[in-house]
Amino acid sequence: IDSGVDYGHPDLAANMWNGSACVSSAGNPLGDCVHGYDFASNDKDPLPEFSVTPDYTHGTAVAGTVAAVGNNGIGVAGIAPNAKIMAIRFDFTIGQEVEAIDFATANGVTIINASYGTTFQSMIERDAIDRFRAAGGLFVAAAGNSDSNNDSVPFYPASHDLPNIISVAASDQLDGLTWVTNYGVANVD
């Protein structure tokens, strides 16, 4: 769930989710979704909108870090080079995030990457992540990028107290914390 994914990218195309049988969050057939859904534009094409999204490359970069095809002689290899990528674009509002989580849940997603957040807690966000947990889903959330202690100043969704959330800090090439990453003994995994 991010700013969209360039699903035609040569390092990602082979690992994109087949959305031919996608359903709405209520389970109603939607027909052909092009590798995911775009809640910002309310259509079935999650390609980043270069003129609209402030950081339109972020979702593609994250997708590549996770699931870029390995051993193909181009680009990079992701940490899970055989994973399938469902691209879900949203405009970084809680309402669209909840729709995105419920869409992913209804379509059988088992892991959601959430590289975004805020210091404002939302119970509807928490409830959506809890519904995802009840369906067997793991929610990987960014700890944040403000060099802040999440034990003192929570960062959501990473700081919601749910057993299916893994809060991830950023590390450097020496496996130490980067200078911008959030941290916290109790709230960052």
Protein backbone atom coordinates (compact mmCIF):
# COMPACT_ATOMS: atom_id res chain seq x y z
CA ILE A 1 0.00 0.00 0.00
CA ASP A 2 1.80 3.07 -1.26
CA SER A 3 1.98 5.57 -4.13
CA GLY A 4 1.42 2.87 -6.77
CA VAL A 5 3.82 0.58 -8.61
CA ASP A 6 5.31 0.78 -12.10
CA TYR A 7 4.14 -2.76 -12.84
CA GLY A 8 5.78 -2.71 -16.28
CA HIS A 9 9.25 -2.26 -14.78
CA PRO A 10 11.49 -5.09 -16.07
CA ASP A 11 12.53 -6.08 -12.53
CA LEU A 12 8.91 -6.22 -11.31
CA ALA A 13 6.68 -7.29 -14.21
CA ALA A 14 7.14 -11.05 -13.71
CA ASN A 15 6.24 -10.80 -10.02
CA MET A 16 3.06 -8.75 -10.29
CA TRP A 17 -0.17 -10.17 -8.87
CA ASN A 18 -2.71 -11.39 -11.43
CA GLY A 19 -5.77 -9.27 -10.74
CA SER A 20 -8.06 -10.93 -13.26
CA ALA A 21 -10.38 -12.25 -10.52
CA CYS A 22 -10.13 -9.40 -8.00
CA VAL A 23 -12.99 -8.65 -5.67
CA SER A 24 -14.07 -5.62 -3.66
CA SER A 25 -13.59 -5.53 0.11
CA ALA A 26 -17.16 -6.87 0.35
CA GLY A 27 -16.25 -9.83 -1.88
CA ASN A 28 -18.08 -8.59 -4.98
CA PRO A 29 -16.34 -9.35 -8.30
CA LEU A 30 -14.65 -6.31 -9.85
CA GLY A 31 -13.32 -7.95 -12.99
CA ASP A 32 -9.86 -7.26 -14.30
CA CYS A 33 -7.78 -5.28 -11.85
CA VAL A 34 -4.43 -4.33 -13.37
CA HIS A 35 -2.21 -5.90 -10.69
CA GLY A 36 -4.05 -4.17 -7.83
CA TYR A 37 -6.27 -1.15 -7.24
CA ASP A 38 -6.02 2.64 -7.14
CA PHE A 39 -8.08 4.10 -4.29
CA ALA A 40 -6.84 7.63 -5.01
CA SER A 41 -8.41 7.60 -8.49
CA ASN A 42 -11.00 4.90 -7.68
CA ASP A 43 -10.03 2.68 -10.59
CA LYS A 44 -8.43 -0.69 -11.25
CA ASP A 45 -5.04 0.63 -12.40
CA PRO A 46 -2.50 1.32 -9.58
CA LEU A 47 0.17 2.86 -11.82
CA PRO A 48 1.70 5.91 -10.08
CA GLU A 49 0.33 9.19 -11.38
CA PHE A 50 3.45 11.17 -12.04
CA SER A 51 1.78 14.58 -12.04
CA VAL A 52 -0.32 13.97 -8.92
CA THR A 53 1.55 11.89 -6.34
CA PRO A 54 4.27 13.88 -4.54
CA ASP A 55 6.68 10.92 -4.39
CA TYR A 56 5.44 8.72 -7.22
CA THR A 57 8.57 6.52 -7.21
CA HIS A 58 8.31 5.40 -3.58
CA GLY A 59 5.90 2.49 -4.13
CA THR A 60 7.97 1.18 -7.03
CA ALA A 61 11.20 1.44 -5.02
CA VAL A 62 9.66 -0.40 -2.07
CA ALA A 63 8.23 -3.10 -4.36
CA GLY A 64 11.69 -3.58 -5.87
CA THR A 65 13.37 -3.81 -2.48
CA VAL A 66 10.94 -6.53 -1.51
CA ALA A 67 10.30 -8.50 -4.68
CA ALA A 68 12.47 -7.52 -7.66
CA VAL A 69 13.13 -10.59 -9.81
CA GLY A 70 16.50 -12.20 -9.04
CA ASN A 71 19.06 -13.72 -11.39
CA ASN A 72 17.73 -11.96 -14.48
CA GLY A 73 20.89 -10.00 -15.28
CA ILE A 74 19.25 -6.58 -14.83
CA GLY A 75 18.69 -4.17 -11.98
CA VAL A 76 18.59 -5.56 -8.46
CA ALA A 77 17.20 -8.60 -6.66
CA GLY A 78 14.61 -8.15 -3.95
CA ILE A 79 14.86 -9.80 -0.55
CA ALA A 80 11.95 -12.06 -1.58
CA PRO A 81 12.52 -12.35 -5.35
CA ASN A 82 9.69 -14.87 -5.83
CA ALA A 83 7.02 -12.93 -3.95
CA LYS A 84 3.97 -11.58 -5.78
CA ILE A 85 3.27 -7.85 -5.64
CA MET A 86 -0.26 -6.50 -5.38
CA ALA A 87 0.02 -2.77 -6.03
CA ILE A 88 -2.41 -0.63 -4.09
CA ARG A 89 -2.27 3.12 -4.62
CA PHE A 90 -3.84 5.57 -2.18
CA ASP A 91 -3.57 9.26 -1.35
CA PHE A 92 -2.26 8.69 2.20
CA THR A 93 -5.59 9.35 3.93
CA ILE A 94 -6.89 7.05 6.66
CA GLY A 95 -10.15 6.39 4.79
CA GLN A 96 -8.36 5.19 1.65
CA GLU A 97 -5.84 3.24 3.74
CA VAL A 98 -8.71 1.35 5.42
CA GLU A 99 -10.24 0.61 2.01
CA ALA A 100 -6.84 -0.61 0.80
CA ILE A 101 -6.31 -2.92 3.79
CA ASP A 102 -9.82 -4.37 3.40
CA PHE A 103 -9.27 -4.85 -0.35
CA ALA A 104 -6.00 -6.68 0.30
CA THR A 105 -7.70 -8.84 2.93
CA ALA A 106 -10.59 -9.74 0.61
CA ASN A 107 -8.15 -10.72 -2.14
CA GLY A 108 -6.10 -13.11 0.00
CA VAL A 109 -3.02 -10.99 0.71
CA THR A 110 -0.93 -12.45 3.54
CA ILE A 111 1.61 -9.62 4.04
CA ILE A 112 1.05 -5.87 3.74
CA ASN A 113 3.94 -3.41 3.59
CA ALA A 114 3.08 0.01 5.04
CA SER A 115 5.96 2.45 4.53
CA TYR A 116 4.03 5.47 5.79
CA GLY A 117 2.60 6.86 8.98
CA THR A 118 1.73 9.68 11.32
CA THR A 119 1.77 10.54 15.02
CA PHE A 120 -2.05 10.64 15.05
CA GLN A 121 -3.77 7.47 16.20
CA SER A 122 -6.80 6.21 14.28
CA MET A 123 -9.05 3.49 15.66
CA ILE A 124 -10.55 2.76 12.23
CA GLU A 125 -7.02 2.13 10.95
CA ARG A 126 -6.35 -0.15 13.94
CA ASP A 127 -9.62 -2.02 13.34
CA ALA A 128 -8.75 -2.61 9.66
CA ILE A 129 -5.33 -3.98 10.62
CA ASP A 130 -7.03 -6.18 13.23
CA ARG A 131 -9.44 -7.54 10.57
CA PHE A 132 -6.37 -8.31 8.47
CA ARG A 133 -4.87 -10.13 11.50
CA ALA A 134 -8.06 -12.19 11.91
CA ALA A 135 -7.68 -13.26 8.27
CA GLY A 136 -4.11 -14.42 9.00
CA GLY A 137 -2.28 -11.34 7.73
CA LEU A 138 1.08 -9.90 8.78
CA PHE A 139 1.35 -6.09 8.67
CA VAL A 140 4.88 -4.71 8.22
CA ALA A 141 4.96 -1.03 9.14
CA ALA A 142 7.66 1.62 8.98
CA ALA A 143 8.80 2.83 12.40
CA GLY A 144 9.18 6.32 10.91
CA ASN A 145 11.91 8.66 9.69
CA SER A 146 12.09 11.43 12.28
CA ASP A 147 14.81 10.13 14.66
CA SER A 148 12.17 9.80 17.36
CA ASN A 149 11.56 7.29 20.14
CA ASN A 150 8.26 5.55 19.37
CA ASP A 151 8.00 4.53 23.03
CA SER A 152 7.61 8.25 23.89
CA VAL A 153 5.92 9.56 20.73
CA PRO A 154 4.00 6.74 19.02
CA PHE A 155 4.07 6.55 15.21
CA TYR A 156 1.06 4.89 13.56
CA PRO A 157 0.28 2.40 12.16
CA ALA A 158 3.54 0.90 13.48
CA SER A 159 2.67 1.69 17.13
CA HIS A 160 -0.78 0.09 17.22
CA ASP A 161 -0.69 -2.64 19.86
CA LEU A 162 -1.57 -5.59 17.61
CA PRO A 163 0.26 -8.93 17.42
CA ASN A 164 0.36 -8.97 13.60
CA ILE A 165 2.29 -5.69 13.27
CA ILE A 166 6.04 -5.74 12.77
CA SER A 167 7.46 -2.25 13.24
CA VAL A 168 10.62 -1.89 11.14
CA ALA A 169 13.41 0.65 11.67
CA ALA A 170 15.87 1.56 8.91
CA SER A 171 19.38 0.17 9.08
CA ASP A 172 22.63 1.15 7.40
CA GLN A 173 25.22 -0.96 5.58
CA LEU A 174 26.74 -1.93 8.97
CA ASP A 175 23.33 -3.09 10.32
CA GLY A 176 23.11 -0.12 12.67
CA LEU A 177 20.24 2.33 12.92
CA THR A 178 20.32 5.11 10.33
CA TRP A 179 20.43 8.66 11.63
CA VAL A 180 16.83 9.37 10.57
CA THR A 181 15.03 6.21 11.66
CA ASN A 182 12.65 6.04 14.58
CA TYR A 183 13.45 3.56 17.32
CA GLY A 184 12.00 2.22 20.58
CA VAL A 185 12.68 -0.81 22.76
CA ALA A 186 8.98 -1.55 23.32
CA ASN A 187 7.44 -0.33 20.05
CA VAL A 188 9.96 -1.09 17.30
CA ASP A 189 10.74 -4.69 16.40
